[in-house]
Amino acid sequence: MIYRSKAPLRIGLAGGGTDVSPYADLYGGAILNATISLYAYAGIVPHSENTIVIEAIDRGETITLPLTASLPIDGKLDLAKGVYNHLVRQYGALPSGFKLSTIVDAPAGSGLGSSSTLVVAIIACFAEWLNLPLGEYDIAHKAYEIERVELAMDGGKQDQYAATFGGVNFMEFYDNNKVIVNPLRIKPAYLYELENNLLLFFTSTSRLSSTIIAAQSQNVKENKTESIEAMHKLKEQAVMMKEALLKGNVHEIGAILDYGFRYKKQMAKGISNPAMDNIYETALAAGATGGKISGAGGGGFMMFYCPGNNRYAVMEALSQFGGQFRPYQFTERGVFSWKIG
């Protein structure tokens, strides 16, 4: 028997960074995001040997370990090992050895939540094999606990919940790990127009998001006014984006993205840099009305809102930077698992 799962990556449209502690705990955060047709995949094949094989196909890495109660967290495929350790602690020893294979459609550090989405996919795959009674909030919270608490990786909460629930969601974040996911019922015409006009551009660079997020968190702890006020503005941006999408005011989306981009750069150093600012300003000069850096910033994907037929002029203008445009569609389904004999 083979057990499989897939979970969608996401693009953050507004409010990015307000899901990170301590801001979310002190002030409450709000984010609007949407899942897209890029995925993290996991597959488990049980076997009779007392070994665990973990294979990250996209990274060309494979490790073989003994079937023990706890795997070492040593920088080698730690996300998968962290999920295994968590599940063994909570549910007991697994019934047999196994091979776990994973692949992600976007590299780590791309700004699309790839690491957290991979954790969600791995949890769902184990749940399919072990028949664990986990609902959507359960999977998302486990993914957060494993990545942020047990593995001590800096970051927020939106990625885990986006990957688990899927679709377009307005998410609220509070203290004591309270998260409310509000699915948005957006008319198909508005969503198709957003999909048509929103370019996804990979700058061909990745970055360590945890470094930027740690600086952002430290700014809140030190009560730095500029950083905190910028996060307040981004939380307002999430509400602005929600209203624009629900009412079909798609002509406002570029300006709302630009509003957020200007304030996001005030949250912490390293979110943008001269090279990315140059890309951004080039896109605006070619007809984009706004955009943003996806995820924590510093590299990875950027997105640009190009109304009318401006996307083609923007693509031509950005071709000088050597990046890649990534086609995508919005998706409604979150993580999904299945088995095949």
C-alpha atoms as a PDB file:
ATOM      1  CA  MET A   1       0.000   0.000   0.000  1.00  0.00           C
ATOM      2  CA  ILE A   2       1.176   3.543  -0.816  1.00  0.00           C
ATOM      3  CA  TYR A   3      -0.080   6.509   1.186  1.00  0.00           C
ATOM      4  CA  ARG A   4       0.045   9.941  -0.429  1.00  0.00           C
ATOM      5  CA  SER A   5      -0.854  13.564   0.226  1.00  0.00           C
ATOM      6  CA  LYS A   6      -0.636  16.954  -1.441  1.00  0.00           C
ATOM      7  CA  ALA A   7      -1.007  20.430   0.052  1.00  0.00           C
ATOM      8  CA  PRO A   8      -1.183  23.740  -1.854  1.00  0.00           C
ATOM      9  CA  LEU A   9       1.273  26.595  -1.519  1.00  0.00           C
ATOM     10  CA  ARG A  10      -0.135  30.076  -0.993  1.00  0.00           C
ATOM     11  CA  ILE A  11       0.307  33.665  -1.978  1.00  0.00           C
ATOM     12  CA  GLY A  12      -0.211  36.271   0.722  1.00  0.00           C
ATOM     13  CA  LEU A  13      -2.277  39.149  -0.649  1.00  0.00           C
ATOM     14  CA  ALA A  14      -2.432  41.402   2.415  1.00  0.00           C
ATOM     15  CA  GLY A  15      -1.509  41.613   6.079  1.00  0.00           C
ATOM     16  CA  GLY A  16       1.700  39.609   5.818  1.00  0.00           C
ATOM     17  CA  GLY A  17       3.733  39.521   9.022  1.00  0.00           C
ATOM     18  CA  THR A  18       0.878  40.293  11.407  1.00  0.00           C
ATOM     19  CA  ASP A  19       0.524  36.558  12.157  1.00  0.00           C
ATOM     20  CA  VAL A  20       3.953  36.516  13.828  1.00  0.00           C
ATOM     21  CA  SER A  21       4.392  36.612  17.598  1.00  0.00           C
ATOM     22  CA  PRO A  22       4.578  38.763  19.626  1.00  0.00           C
ATOM     23  CA  TYR A  23       2.623  41.175  17.398  1.00  0.00           C
ATOM     24  CA  ALA A  24      -0.311  38.776  16.941  1.00  0.00           C
ATOM     25  CA  ASP A  25      -0.420  38.079  20.689  1.00  0.00           C
ATOM     26  CA  LEU A  26      -0.363  41.733  21.694  1.00  0.00           C
ATOM     27  CA  TYR A  27      -2.471  43.380  19.000  1.00  0.00           C
ATOM     28  CA  GLY A  28      -4.140  40.624  16.992  1.00  0.00           C
ATOM     29  CA  GLY A  29      -3.201  39.935  13.374  1.00  0.00           C
ATOM     30  CA  ALA A  30      -5.137  39.677  10.118  1.00  0.00           C
ATOM     31  CA  ILE A  31      -4.058  38.209   6.799  1.00  0.00           C
ATOM     32  CA  LEU A  32      -5.732  37.552   3.475  1.00  0.00           C
ATOM     33  CA  ASN A  33      -4.187  34.771   1.409  1.00  0.00           C
ATOM     34  CA  ALA A  34      -5.075  32.367  -1.380  1.00  0.00           C
ATOM     35  CA  THR A  35      -3.801  28.911  -2.264  1.00  0.00           C
ATOM     36  CA  ILE A  36      -2.457  28.260  -5.743  1.00  0.00           C
ATOM     37  CA  SER A  37      -1.756  25.287  -7.996  1.00  0.00           C
ATOM     38  CA  LEU A  38       1.771  24.671  -6.725  1.00  0.00           C
ATOM     39  CA  TYR A  39       2.055  21.897  -4.166  1.00  0.00           C
ATOM     40  CA  ALA A  40       4.021  20.019  -1.572  1.00  0.00           C
ATOM     41  CA  TYR A  41       3.721  16.244  -1.956  1.00  0.00           C
ATOM     42  CA  ALA A  42       4.425  13.397   0.448  1.00  0.00           C
ATOM     43  CA  GLY A  43       4.334   9.639  -0.018  1.00  0.00           C
ATOM     44  CA  ILE A  44       4.836   6.821   2.492  1.00  0.00           C
ATOM     45  CA  VAL A  45       5.586   3.191   1.636  1.00  0.00           C
ATOM     46  CA  PRO A  46       5.734   0.937   4.726  1.00  0.00           C
ATOM     47  CA  HIS A  47       8.298  -1.880   4.652  1.00  0.00           C
ATOM     48  CA  SER A  48       9.357  -4.807   6.820  1.00  0.00           C
ATOM     49  CA  GLU A  49      12.839  -3.532   7.693  1.00  0.00           C
ATOM     50  CA  ASN A  50      13.463  -1.664  10.946  1.00  0.00           C
ATOM     51  CA  THR A  51      14.642   1.437   9.092  1.00  0.00           C
ATOM     52  CA  ILE A  52      13.339   4.847   8.147  1.00  0.00           C
ATOM     53  CA  VAL A  53      14.249   6.228   4.739  1.00  0.00           C
ATOM     54  CA  ILE A  54      13.548   9.918   4.111  1.00  0.00           C
ATOM     55  CA  GLU A  55      13.951  11.144   0.558  1.00  0.00           C
ATOM     56  CA  ALA A  56      13.591  14.796  -0.531  1.00  0.00           C
ATOM     57  CA  ILE A  57      13.394  14.253  -4.281  1.00  0.00           C
ATOM     58  CA  ASP A  58      13.530  17.919  -5.282  1.00  0.00           C
ATOM     59  CA  ARG A  59      16.607  18.517  -3.128  1.00  0.00           C
ATOM     60  CA  GLY A  60      18.419  15.320  -4.101  1.00  0.00           C
ATOM     61  CA  GLU A  61      18.801  14.269  -0.452  1.00  0.00           C
ATOM     62  CA  THR A  62      18.226  10.844   1.079  1.00  0.00           C
ATOM     63  CA  ILE A  63      18.944   9.604   4.598  1.00  0.00           C
ATOM     64  CA  THR A  64      18.469   6.179   6.191  1.00  0.00           C
ATOM     65  CA  LEU A  65      18.009   5.878   9.946  1.00  0.00           C
ATOM     66  CA  PRO A  66      17.128   3.110  12.409  1.00  0.00           C
ATOM     67  CA  LEU A  67      13.478   2.825  13.470  1.00  0.00           C
ATOM     68  CA  THR A  68      13.761   4.453  16.894  1.00  0.00           C
ATOM     69  CA  ALA A  69      11.546   6.527  19.179  1.00  0.00           C
ATOM     70  CA  SER A  70      13.308   9.775  18.287  1.00  0.00           C
ATOM     71  CA  LEU A  71      15.265  10.922  15.249  1.00  0.00           C
ATOM     72  CA  PRO A  72      18.165  13.389  15.605  1.00  0.00           C
ATOM     73  CA  ILE A  73      17.472  17.011  14.716  1.00  0.00           C
ATOM     74  CA  ASP A  74      20.771  17.858  13.053  1.00  0.00           C
ATOM     75  CA  GLY A  75      20.016  20.004  10.020  1.00  0.00           C
ATOM     76  CA  LYS A  76      19.336  17.083   7.672  1.00  0.00           C
ATOM     77  CA  LEU A  77      15.680  16.921   6.565  1.00  0.00           C
ATOM     78  CA  ASP A  78      14.596  18.118  10.005  1.00  0.00           C
ATOM     79  CA  LEU A  79      11.023  18.970   9.006  1.00  0.00           C
ATOM     80  CA  ALA A  80      10.236  15.336   8.222  1.00  0.00           C
ATOM     81  CA  LYS A  81      12.067  14.128  11.319  1.00  0.00           C
ATOM     82  CA  GLY A  82      10.242  16.663  13.456  1.00  0.00           C
ATOM     83  CA  VAL A  83       6.868  15.358  12.278  1.00  0.00           C
ATOM     84  CA  TYR A  84       7.928  11.777  12.998  1.00  0.00           C
ATOM     85  CA  ASN A  85       9.170  12.629  16.496  1.00  0.00           C
ATOM     86  CA  HIS A  86       5.968  14.513  17.315  1.00  0.00           C
ATOM     87  CA  LEU A  87       3.680  11.711  16.170  1.00  0.00           C
ATOM     88  CA  VAL A  88       5.626   8.993  17.998  1.00  0.00           C
ATOM     89  CA  ARG A  89       5.521  11.010  21.221  1.00  0.00           C
ATOM     90  CA  GLN A  90       1.784  11.541  20.925  1.00  0.00           C
ATOM     91  CA  TYR A  91       0.549   8.269  19.435  1.00  0.00           C
ATOM     92  CA  GLY A  92       3.270   5.730  20.211  1.00  0.00           C
ATOM     93  CA  ALA A  93       5.581   3.624  18.077  1.00  0.00           C
ATOM     94  CA  LEU A  94       4.743   3.250  14.398  1.00  0.00           C
ATOM     95  CA  PRO A  95       3.695  -0.210  13.156  1.00  0.00           C
ATOM     96  CA  SER A  96       6.689  -0.687  10.856  1.00  0.00           C
ATOM     97  CA  GLY A  97       9.599   0.917   9.084  1.00  0.00           C
ATOM     98  CA  PHE A  98       8.835   3.041   6.050  1.00  0.00           C
ATOM     99  CA  LYS A  99      10.135   5.206   3.243  1.00  0.00           C
ATOM    100  CA  LEU A 100       8.931   8.812   3.164  1.00  0.00           C
ATOM    101  CA  SER A 101       9.366  10.694  -0.118  1.00  0.00           C
ATOM    102  CA  THR A 102       8.652  14.401  -0.545  1.00  0.00           C
ATOM    103  CA  ILE A 103       8.770  16.978  -3.289  1.00  0.00           C
ATOM    104  CA  VAL A 104       7.807  20.665  -3.361  1.00  0.00           C
ATOM    105  CA  ASP A 105       6.981  22.725  -6.450  1.00  0.00           C
ATOM    106  CA  ALA A 106       8.850  25.779  -5.105  1.00  0.00           C
ATOM    107  CA  PRO A 107      12.167  25.914  -3.257  1.00  0.00           C
ATOM    108  CA  ALA A 108      12.538  26.708   0.440  1.00  0.00           C
ATOM    109  CA  GLY A 109      12.883  30.448   0.948  1.00  0.00           C
ATOM    110  CA  SER A 110      10.712  31.274  -2.061  1.00  0.00           C
ATOM    111  CA  GLY A 111       8.082  33.151  -0.061  1.00  0.00           C
ATOM    112  CA  LEU A 112       5.165  30.840  -0.860  1.00  0.00           C
ATOM    113  CA  GLY A 113       5.132  29.015   2.486  1.00  0.00           C
ATOM    114  CA  SER A 114       6.842  25.921   1.100  1.00  0.00           C
ATOM    115  CA  SER A 115       8.365  24.679   4.376  1.00  0.00           C
ATOM    116  CA  SER A 116       5.138  24.893   6.385  1.00  0.00           C
ATOM    117  CA  THR A 117       3.135  23.417   3.509  1.00  0.00           C
ATOM    118  CA  LEU A 118       5.523  20.477   3.399  1.00  0.00           C
ATOM    119  CA  VAL A 119       4.986  19.869   7.123  1.00  0.00           C
ATOM    120  CA  VAL A 120       1.214  19.881   6.557  1.00  0.00           C
ATOM    121  CA  ALA A 121       1.553  17.384   3.696  1.00  0.00           C
ATOM    122  CA  ILE A 122       3.741  15.056   5.774  1.00  0.00           C
ATOM    123  CA  ILE A 123       1.344  15.137   8.735  1.00  0.00           C
ATOM    124  CA  ALA A 124      -1.606  14.359   6.455  1.00  0.00           C
ATOM    125  CA  CYS A 125       0.289  11.485   4.864  1.00  0.00           C
ATOM    126  CA  PHE A 126       1.069   9.930   8.248  1.00  0.00           C
ATOM    127  CA  ALA A 127      -2.550  10.496   9.315  1.00  0.00           C
ATOM    128  CA  GLU A 128      -3.717   8.573   6.229  1.00  0.00           C
ATOM    129  CA  TRP A 129      -1.394   5.665   7.033  1.00  0.00           C
ATOM    130  CA  LEU A 130      -2.073   5.565  10.772  1.00  0.00           C
ATOM    131  CA  ASN A 131      -5.770   6.452  10.465  1.00  0.00           C
ATOM    132  CA  LEU A 132      -5.428   9.406  12.835  1.00  0.00           C
ATOM    133  CA  PRO A 133      -8.642  11.392  13.477  1.00  0.00           C
ATOM    134  CA  LEU A 134      -7.267  14.840  12.636  1.00  0.00           C
ATOM    135  CA  GLY A 135      -9.443  17.707  11.457  1.00  0.00           C
ATOM    136  CA  GLU A 136      -8.278  20.796   9.600  1.00  0.00           C
ATOM    137  CA  TYR A 137      -7.548  22.883  12.682  1.00  0.00           C
ATOM    138  CA  ASP A 138      -5.768  19.883  14.259  1.00  0.00           C
ATOM    139  CA  ILE A 139      -3.397  19.438  11.310  1.00  0.00           C
ATOM    140  CA  ALA A 140      -2.665  23.154  11.030  1.00  0.00           C
ATOM    141  CA  HIS A 141      -1.974  23.531  14.748  1.00  0.00           C
ATOM    142  CA  LYS A 142       0.256  20.456  14.809  1.00  0.00           C
ATOM    143  CA  ALA A 143       2.228  21.823  11.879  1.00  0.00           C
ATOM    144  CA  TYR A 144       2.674  25.113  13.728  1.00  0.00           C
ATOM    145  CA  GLU A 145       3.726  23.387  16.953  1.00  0.00           C
ATOM    146  CA  ILE A 146       6.257  21.170  15.184  1.00  0.00           C
ATOM    147  CA  GLU A 147       7.845  23.901  13.096  1.00  0.00           C
ATOM    148  CA  ARG A 148       7.708  26.912  15.399  1.00  0.00           C
ATOM    149  CA  VAL A 149       7.850  25.394  18.903  1.00  0.00           C
ATOM    150  CA  GLU A 150       9.540  21.999  18.737  1.00  0.00           C
ATOM    151  CA  LEU A 151      11.995  22.827  15.930  1.00  0.00           C
ATOM    152  CA  ALA A 152      12.233  26.488  17.049  1.00  0.00           C
ATOM    153  CA  MET A 153      12.003  27.865  13.492  1.00  0.00           C
ATOM    154  CA  ASP A 154      10.980  31.531  13.384  1.00  0.00           C
ATOM    155  CA  GLY A 155       7.824  32.341  11.486  1.00  0.00           C
ATOM    156  CA  GLY A 156       4.114  32.946  11.659  1.00  0.00           C
ATOM    157  CA  LYS A 157       0.954  30.870  11.479  1.00  0.00           C
ATOM    158  CA  GLN A 158      -0.660  31.684   8.140  1.00  0.00           C
ATOM    159  CA  ASP A 159       1.160  29.107   6.012  1.00  0.00           C
ATOM    160  CA  GLN A 160       0.048  26.085   8.010  1.00  0.00           C
ATOM    161  CA  TYR A 161      -3.603  27.147   7.989  1.00  0.00           C
ATOM    162  CA  ALA A 162      -3.607  28.149   4.307  1.00  0.00           C
ATOM    163  CA  ALA A 163      -2.177  24.784   3.257  1.00  0.00           C
ATOM    164  CA  THR A 164      -4.658  22.882   5.401  1.00  0.00           C
ATOM    165  CA  PHE A 165      -7.858  24.778   4.553  1.00  0.00           C
ATOM    166  CA  GLY A 166      -7.183  25.887   0.966  1.00  0.00           C
ATOM    167  CA  GLY A 167      -9.038  28.581  -0.959  1.00  0.00           C
ATOM    168  CA  VAL A 168      -9.179  32.324  -0.329  1.00  0.00           C
ATOM    169  CA  ASN A 169      -9.257  33.042   3.383  1.00  0.00           C
ATOM    170  CA  PHE A 170      -9.309  36.024   5.721  1.00  0.00           C
ATOM    171  CA  MET A 171      -7.454  34.804   8.796  1.00  0.00           C
ATOM    172  CA  GLU A 172      -7.392  36.308  12.280  1.00  0.00           C
ATOM    173  CA  PHE A 173      -4.645  35.601  14.813  1.00  0.00           C
ATOM    174  CA  TYR A 174      -4.796  36.175  18.558  1.00  0.00           C
ATOM    175  CA  ASP A 175      -2.909  35.225  21.703  1.00  0.00           C
ATOM    176  CA  ASN A 176      -2.992  31.704  23.174  1.00  0.00           C
ATOM    177  CA  ASN A 177      -2.671  30.316  19.620  1.00  0.00           C
ATOM    178  CA  LYS A 178      -6.227  31.277  18.710  1.00  0.00           C
ATOM    179  CA  VAL A 179      -6.713  31.314  14.941  1.00  0.00           C
ATOM    180  CA  ILE A 180      -9.972  31.958  13.078  1.00  0.00           C
ATOM    181  CA  VAL A 181     -10.129  31.029   9.381  1.00  0.00           C
ATOM    182  CA  ASN A 182     -12.868  32.863   7.467  1.00  0.00           C
ATOM    183  CA  PRO A 183     -13.342  31.420   3.947  1.00  0.00           C
ATOM    184  CA  LEU A 184     -14.328  34.146   1.476  1.00  0.00           C
ATOM    185  CA  ARG A 185     -17.052  33.533  -1.095  1.00  0.00           C
ATOM    186  CA  ILE A 186     -15.695  35.613  -3.949  1.00  0.00           C
ATOM    187  CA  LYS A 187     -17.599  35.692  -7.227  1.00  0.00           C
ATOM    188  CA  PRO A 188     -15.768  33.654  -9.890  1.00  0.00           C
ATOM    189  CA  ALA A 189     -15.478  36.645 -12.251  1.00  0.00           C
ATOM    190  CA  TYR A 190     -13.613  38.664  -9.595  1.00  0.00           C
ATOM    191  CA  LEU A 191     -11.291  35.773  -8.812  1.00  0.00           C
ATOM    192  CA  TYR A 192     -10.580  35.057 -12.475  1.00  0.00           C
ATOM    193  CA  GLU A 193      -9.777  38.731 -13.032  1.00  0.00           C
ATOM    194  CA  LEU A 194      -7.378  38.698 -10.085  1.00  0.00           C
ATOM    195  CA  GLU A 195      -5.762  35.542 -11.434  1.00  0.00           C
ATOM    196  CA  ASN A 196      -5.463  37.060 -14.903  1.00  0.00           C
ATOM    197  CA  ASN A 197      -3.899  40.297 -13.673  1.00  0.00           C
ATOM    198  CA  LEU A 198      -1.600  39.063 -10.916  1.00  0.00           C
ATOM    199  CA  LEU A 199       1.832  38.047 -12.213  1.00  0.00           C
ATOM    200  CA  LEU A 200       3.976  35.694 -10.136  1.00  0.00           C
ATOM    201  CA  PHE A 201       7.673  36.381 -10.739  1.00  0.00           C
ATOM    202  CA  PHE A 202      10.462  34.249  -9.254  1.00  0.00           C
ATOM    203  CA  THR A 203      13.581  36.331  -8.786  1.00  0.00           C
ATOM    204  CA  SER A 204      15.717  33.149  -8.906  1.00  0.00           C
ATOM    205  CA  THR A 205      16.970  33.859  -5.406  1.00  0.00           C
ATOM    206  CA  SER A 206      15.976  32.343  -2.092  1.00  0.00           C
ATOM    207  CA  ARG A 207      16.417  33.745   1.370  1.00  0.00           C
ATOM    208  CA  LEU A 208      16.388  32.581   4.975  1.00  0.00           C
ATOM    209  CA  SER A 209      13.027  33.971   6.064  1.00  0.00           C
ATOM    210  CA  SER A 210      13.673  33.165   9.725  1.00  0.00           C
ATOM    211  CA  THR A 211      16.368  35.855   9.910  1.00  0.00           C
ATOM    212  CA  ILE A 212      13.991  38.576   8.707  1.00  0.00           C
ATOM    213  CA  ILE A 213      11.138  37.312  10.889  1.00  0.00           C
ATOM    214  CA  ALA A 214      13.383  37.230  13.962  1.00  0.00           C
ATOM    215  CA  ALA A 215      14.283  40.888  13.351  1.00  0.00           C
ATOM    216  CA  GLN A 216      10.615  41.757  12.936  1.00  0.00           C
ATOM    217  CA  SER A 217       9.737  40.038  16.232  1.00  0.00           C
ATOM    218  CA  GLN A 218      12.594  41.767  18.006  1.00  0.00           C
ATOM    219  CA  ASN A 219      11.343  45.149  16.827  1.00  0.00           C
ATOM    220  CA  VAL A 220       7.987  44.465  18.480  1.00  0.00           C
ATOM    221  CA  LYS A 221       9.639  43.267  21.688  1.00  0.00           C
ATOM    222  CA  GLU A 222      11.672  46.469  21.771  1.00  0.00           C
ATOM    223  CA  ASN A 223       8.502  48.489  21.145  1.00  0.00           C
ATOM    224  CA  LYS A 224       9.918  50.177  18.051  1.00  0.00           C
ATOM    225  CA  THR A 225       7.152  52.528  16.977  1.00  0.00           C
ATOM    226  CA  GLU A 226       7.859  52.580  13.230  1.00  0.00           C
ATOM    227  CA  SER A 227       7.790  48.785  12.960  1.00  0.00           C
ATOM    228  CA  ILE A 228       4.640  48.383  15.054  1.00  0.00           C
ATOM    229  CA  GLU A 229       2.786  51.145  13.215  1.00  0.00           C
ATOM    230  CA  ALA A 230       3.714  49.507   9.912  1.00  0.00           C
ATOM    231  CA  MET A 231       2.172  46.234  11.125  1.00  0.00           C
ATOM    232  CA  HIS A 232      -1.000  48.095  12.146  1.00  0.00           C
ATOM    233  CA  LYS A 233      -1.200  49.448   8.587  1.00  0.00           C
ATOM    234  CA  LEU A 234      -0.733  45.964   7.122  1.00  0.00           C
ATOM    235  CA  LYS A 235      -3.558  44.651   9.284  1.00  0.00           C
ATOM    236  CA  GLU A 236      -5.737  47.449   7.872  1.00  0.00           C
ATOM    237  CA  GLN A 237      -4.563  46.435   4.393  1.00  0.00           C
ATOM    238  CA  ALA A 238      -5.999  42.927   4.919  1.00  0.00           C
ATOM    239  CA  VAL A 239      -9.437  44.424   5.596  1.00  0.00           C
ATOM    240  CA  MET A 240      -9.111  46.698   2.546  1.00  0.00           C
ATOM    241  CA  MET A 241      -8.223  43.720   0.351  1.00  0.00           C
ATOM    242  CA  LYS A 242     -11.122  41.646   1.688  1.00  0.00           C
ATOM    243  CA  GLU A 243     -13.625  44.400   0.882  1.00  0.00           C
ATOM    244  CA  ALA A 244     -12.186  44.981  -2.592  1.00  0.00           C
ATOM    245  CA  LEU A 245     -12.412  41.289  -3.511  1.00  0.00           C
ATOM    246  CA  LEU A 246     -15.880  40.730  -2.071  1.00  0.00           C
ATOM    247  CA  LYS A 247     -17.287  43.849  -3.750  1.00  0.00           C
ATOM    248  CA  GLY A 248     -15.480  43.259  -7.040  1.00  0.00           C
ATOM    249  CA  ASN A 249     -13.463  46.471  -6.868  1.00  0.00           C
ATOM    250  CA  VAL A 250     -10.563  44.799  -8.637  1.00  0.00           C
ATOM    251  CA  HIS A 251      -9.328  48.145  -9.963  1.00  0.00           C
ATOM    252  CA  GLU A 252      -8.296  48.978  -6.375  1.00  0.00           C
ATOM    253  CA  ILE A 253      -6.136  45.891  -5.846  1.00  0.00           C
ATOM    254  CA  GLY A 254      -2.914  47.265  -7.305  1.00  0.00           C
ATOM    255  CA  ALA A 255      -3.055  50.344  -5.077  1.00  0.00           C
ATOM    256  CA  ILE A 256      -3.814  48.171  -2.023  1.00  0.00           C
ATOM    257  CA  LEU A 257      -0.809  45.975  -2.783  1.00  0.00           C
ATOM    258  CA  ASP A 258       1.412  49.026  -3.219  1.00  0.00           C
ATOM    259  CA  TYR A 259       0.142  50.447   0.081  1.00  0.00           C
ATOM    260  CA  GLY A 260       1.179  47.247   1.834  1.00  0.00           C
ATOM    261  CA  PHE A 261       4.551  47.023   0.102  1.00  0.00           C
ATOM    262  CA  ARG A 262       5.521  50.520   1.246  1.00  0.00           C
ATOM    263  CA  TYR A 263       4.660  49.752   4.865  1.00  0.00           C
ATOM    264  CA  LYS A 264       6.048  46.215   4.896  1.00  0.00           C
ATOM    265  CA  LYS A 265       9.527  47.563   4.192  1.00  0.00           C
ATOM    266  CA  GLN A 266       9.304  49.487   7.476  1.00  0.00           C
ATOM    267  CA  MET A 267       8.770  46.341   9.560  1.00  0.00           C
ATOM    268  CA  ALA A 268      12.390  45.148   9.548  1.00  0.00           C
ATOM    269  CA  LYS A 269      15.647  45.518   7.663  1.00  0.00           C
ATOM    270  CA  GLY A 270      16.230  43.065   4.827  1.00  0.00           C
ATOM    271  CA  ILE A 271      12.611  42.802   3.673  1.00  0.00           C
ATOM    272  CA  SER A 272      13.601  44.530   0.452  1.00  0.00           C
ATOM    273  CA  ASN A 273      16.931  45.517  -1.089  1.00  0.00           C
ATOM    274  CA  PRO A 274      18.093  47.722  -3.983  1.00  0.00           C
ATOM    275  CA  ALA A 275      17.832  44.888  -6.509  1.00  0.00           C
ATOM    276  CA  MET A 276      14.247  44.061  -5.550  1.00  0.00           C
ATOM    277  CA  ASP A 277      13.297  47.734  -5.393  1.00  0.00           C
ATOM    278  CA  ASN A 278      14.632  48.079  -8.930  1.00  0.00           C
ATOM    279  CA  ILE A 279      12.489  45.179 -10.110  1.00  0.00           C
ATOM    280  CA  TYR A 280       9.461  46.694  -8.396  1.00  0.00           C
ATOM    281  CA  GLU A 281       9.898  50.163  -9.851  1.00  0.00           C
ATOM    282  CA  THR A 282      10.540  48.683 -13.325  1.00  0.00           C
ATOM    283  CA  ALA A 283       7.249  46.801 -13.132  1.00  0.00           C
ATOM    284  CA  LEU A 284       5.376  49.960 -12.130  1.00  0.00           C
ATOM    285  CA  ALA A 285       6.959  51.936 -14.958  1.00  0.00           C
ATOM    286  CA  ALA A 286       5.772  49.246 -17.408  1.00  0.00           C
ATOM    287  CA  GLY A 287       2.147  49.430 -16.265  1.00  0.00           C
ATOM    288  CA  ALA A 288       1.754  47.495 -13.017  1.00  0.00           C
ATOM    289  CA  THR A 289      -0.277  49.395 -10.432  1.00  0.00           C
ATOM    290  CA  GLY A 290       1.192  47.658  -7.393  1.00  0.00           C
ATOM    291  CA  GLY A 291       2.819  44.530  -6.091  1.00  0.00           C
ATOM    292  CA  LYS A 292       4.695  42.958  -3.231  1.00  0.00           C
ATOM    293  CA  ILE A 293       7.429  40.580  -2.181  1.00  0.00           C
ATOM    294  CA  SER A 294       5.917  37.243  -1.255  1.00  0.00           C
ATOM    295  CA  GLY A 295       6.508  35.943   2.252  1.00  0.00           C
ATOM    296  CA  ALA A 296       8.941  37.480   4.706  1.00  0.00           C
ATOM    297  CA  GLY A 297      10.908  39.295   1.992  1.00  0.00           C
ATOM    298  CA  GLY A 298      14.534  39.456   0.986  1.00  0.00           C
ATOM    299  CA  GLY A 299      14.162  37.294  -2.122  1.00  0.00           C
ATOM    300  CA  GLY A 300      12.029  34.569  -3.633  1.00  0.00           C
ATOM    301  CA  PHE A 301       8.807  35.418  -5.455  1.00  0.00           C
ATOM    302  CA  MET A 302       7.413  38.843  -6.194  1.00  0.00           C
ATOM    303  CA  MET A 303       3.936  39.535  -7.536  1.00  0.00           C
ATOM    304  CA  PHE A 304       2.582  42.413  -9.576  1.00  0.00           C
ATOM    305  CA  TYR A 305      -0.952  43.538 -10.342  1.00  0.00           C
ATOM    306  CA  CYS A 306      -1.249  44.373 -14.041  1.00  0.00           C
ATOM    307  CA  PRO A 307      -4.729  45.618 -15.061  1.00  0.00           C
ATOM    308  CA  GLY A 308      -6.048  45.401 -18.592  1.00  0.00           C
ATOM    309  CA  ASN A 309      -3.443  43.834 -20.851  1.00  0.00           C
ATOM    310  CA  ASN A 310      -0.485  45.400 -19.066  1.00  0.00           C
ATOM    311  CA  ARG A 311       0.860  42.022 -17.970  1.00  0.00           C
ATOM    312  CA  TYR A 312       2.615  41.543 -21.319  1.00  0.00           C
ATOM    313  CA  ALA A 313       4.435  44.866 -21.149  1.00  0.00           C
ATOM    314  CA  VAL A 314       5.431  44.135 -17.546  1.00  0.00           C
ATOM    315  CA  MET A 315       6.728  40.688 -18.456  1.00  0.00           C
ATOM    316  CA  GLU A 316       8.822  42.161 -21.258  1.00  0.00           C
ATOM    317  CA  ALA A 317      10.224  44.861 -18.968  1.00  0.00           C
ATOM    318  CA  LEU A 318      11.158  42.361 -16.258  1.00  0.00           C
ATOM    319  CA  SER A 319      12.821  39.920 -18.648  1.00  0.00           C
ATOM    320  CA  GLN A 320      16.092  41.853 -18.220  1.00  0.00           C
ATOM    321  CA  PHE A 321      16.367  40.600 -14.621  1.00  0.00           C
ATOM    322  CA  GLY A 322      16.617  36.948 -15.588  1.00  0.00           C
ATOM    323  CA  GLY A 323      13.840  35.665 -13.335  1.00  0.00           C
ATOM    324  CA  GLN A 324      10.991  33.331 -14.217  1.00  0.00           C
ATOM    325  CA  PHE A 325       7.259  33.894 -14.497  1.00  0.00           C
ATOM    326  CA  ARG A 326       5.347  31.058 -12.866  1.00  0.00           C
ATOM    327  CA  PRO A 327       1.885  30.220 -14.215  1.00  0.00           C
ATOM    328  CA  TYR A 328      -0.693  29.243 -11.608  1.00  0.00           C
ATOM    329  CA  GLN A 329      -4.388  29.030 -10.850  1.00  0.00           C
ATOM    330  CA  PHE A 330      -6.181  29.642  -7.578  1.00  0.00           C
ATOM    331  CA  THR A 331      -7.307  26.459  -5.851  1.00  0.00           C
ATOM    332  CA  GLU A 332     -10.208  25.723  -3.531  1.00  0.00           C
ATOM    333  CA  ARG A 333      -9.054  22.487  -1.892  1.00  0.00           C
ATOM    334  CA  GLY A 334      -6.595  22.344   0.962  1.00  0.00           C
ATOM    335  CA  VAL A 335      -4.488  19.362   1.961  1.00  0.00           C
ATOM    336  CA  PHE A 336      -5.740  16.024   0.640  1.00  0.00           C
ATOM    337  CA  SER A 337      -4.549  12.485   1.334  1.00  0.00           C
ATOM    338  CA  TRP A 338      -5.307   9.097  -0.158  1.00  0.00           C
ATOM    339  CA  LYS A 339      -4.028   5.530  -0.402  1.00  0.00           C
ATOM    340  CA  ILE A 340      -3.560   3.184  -3.317  1.00  0.00           C
ATOM    341  CA  GLY A 341      -2.898  -0.557  -3.301  1.00  0.00           C
END
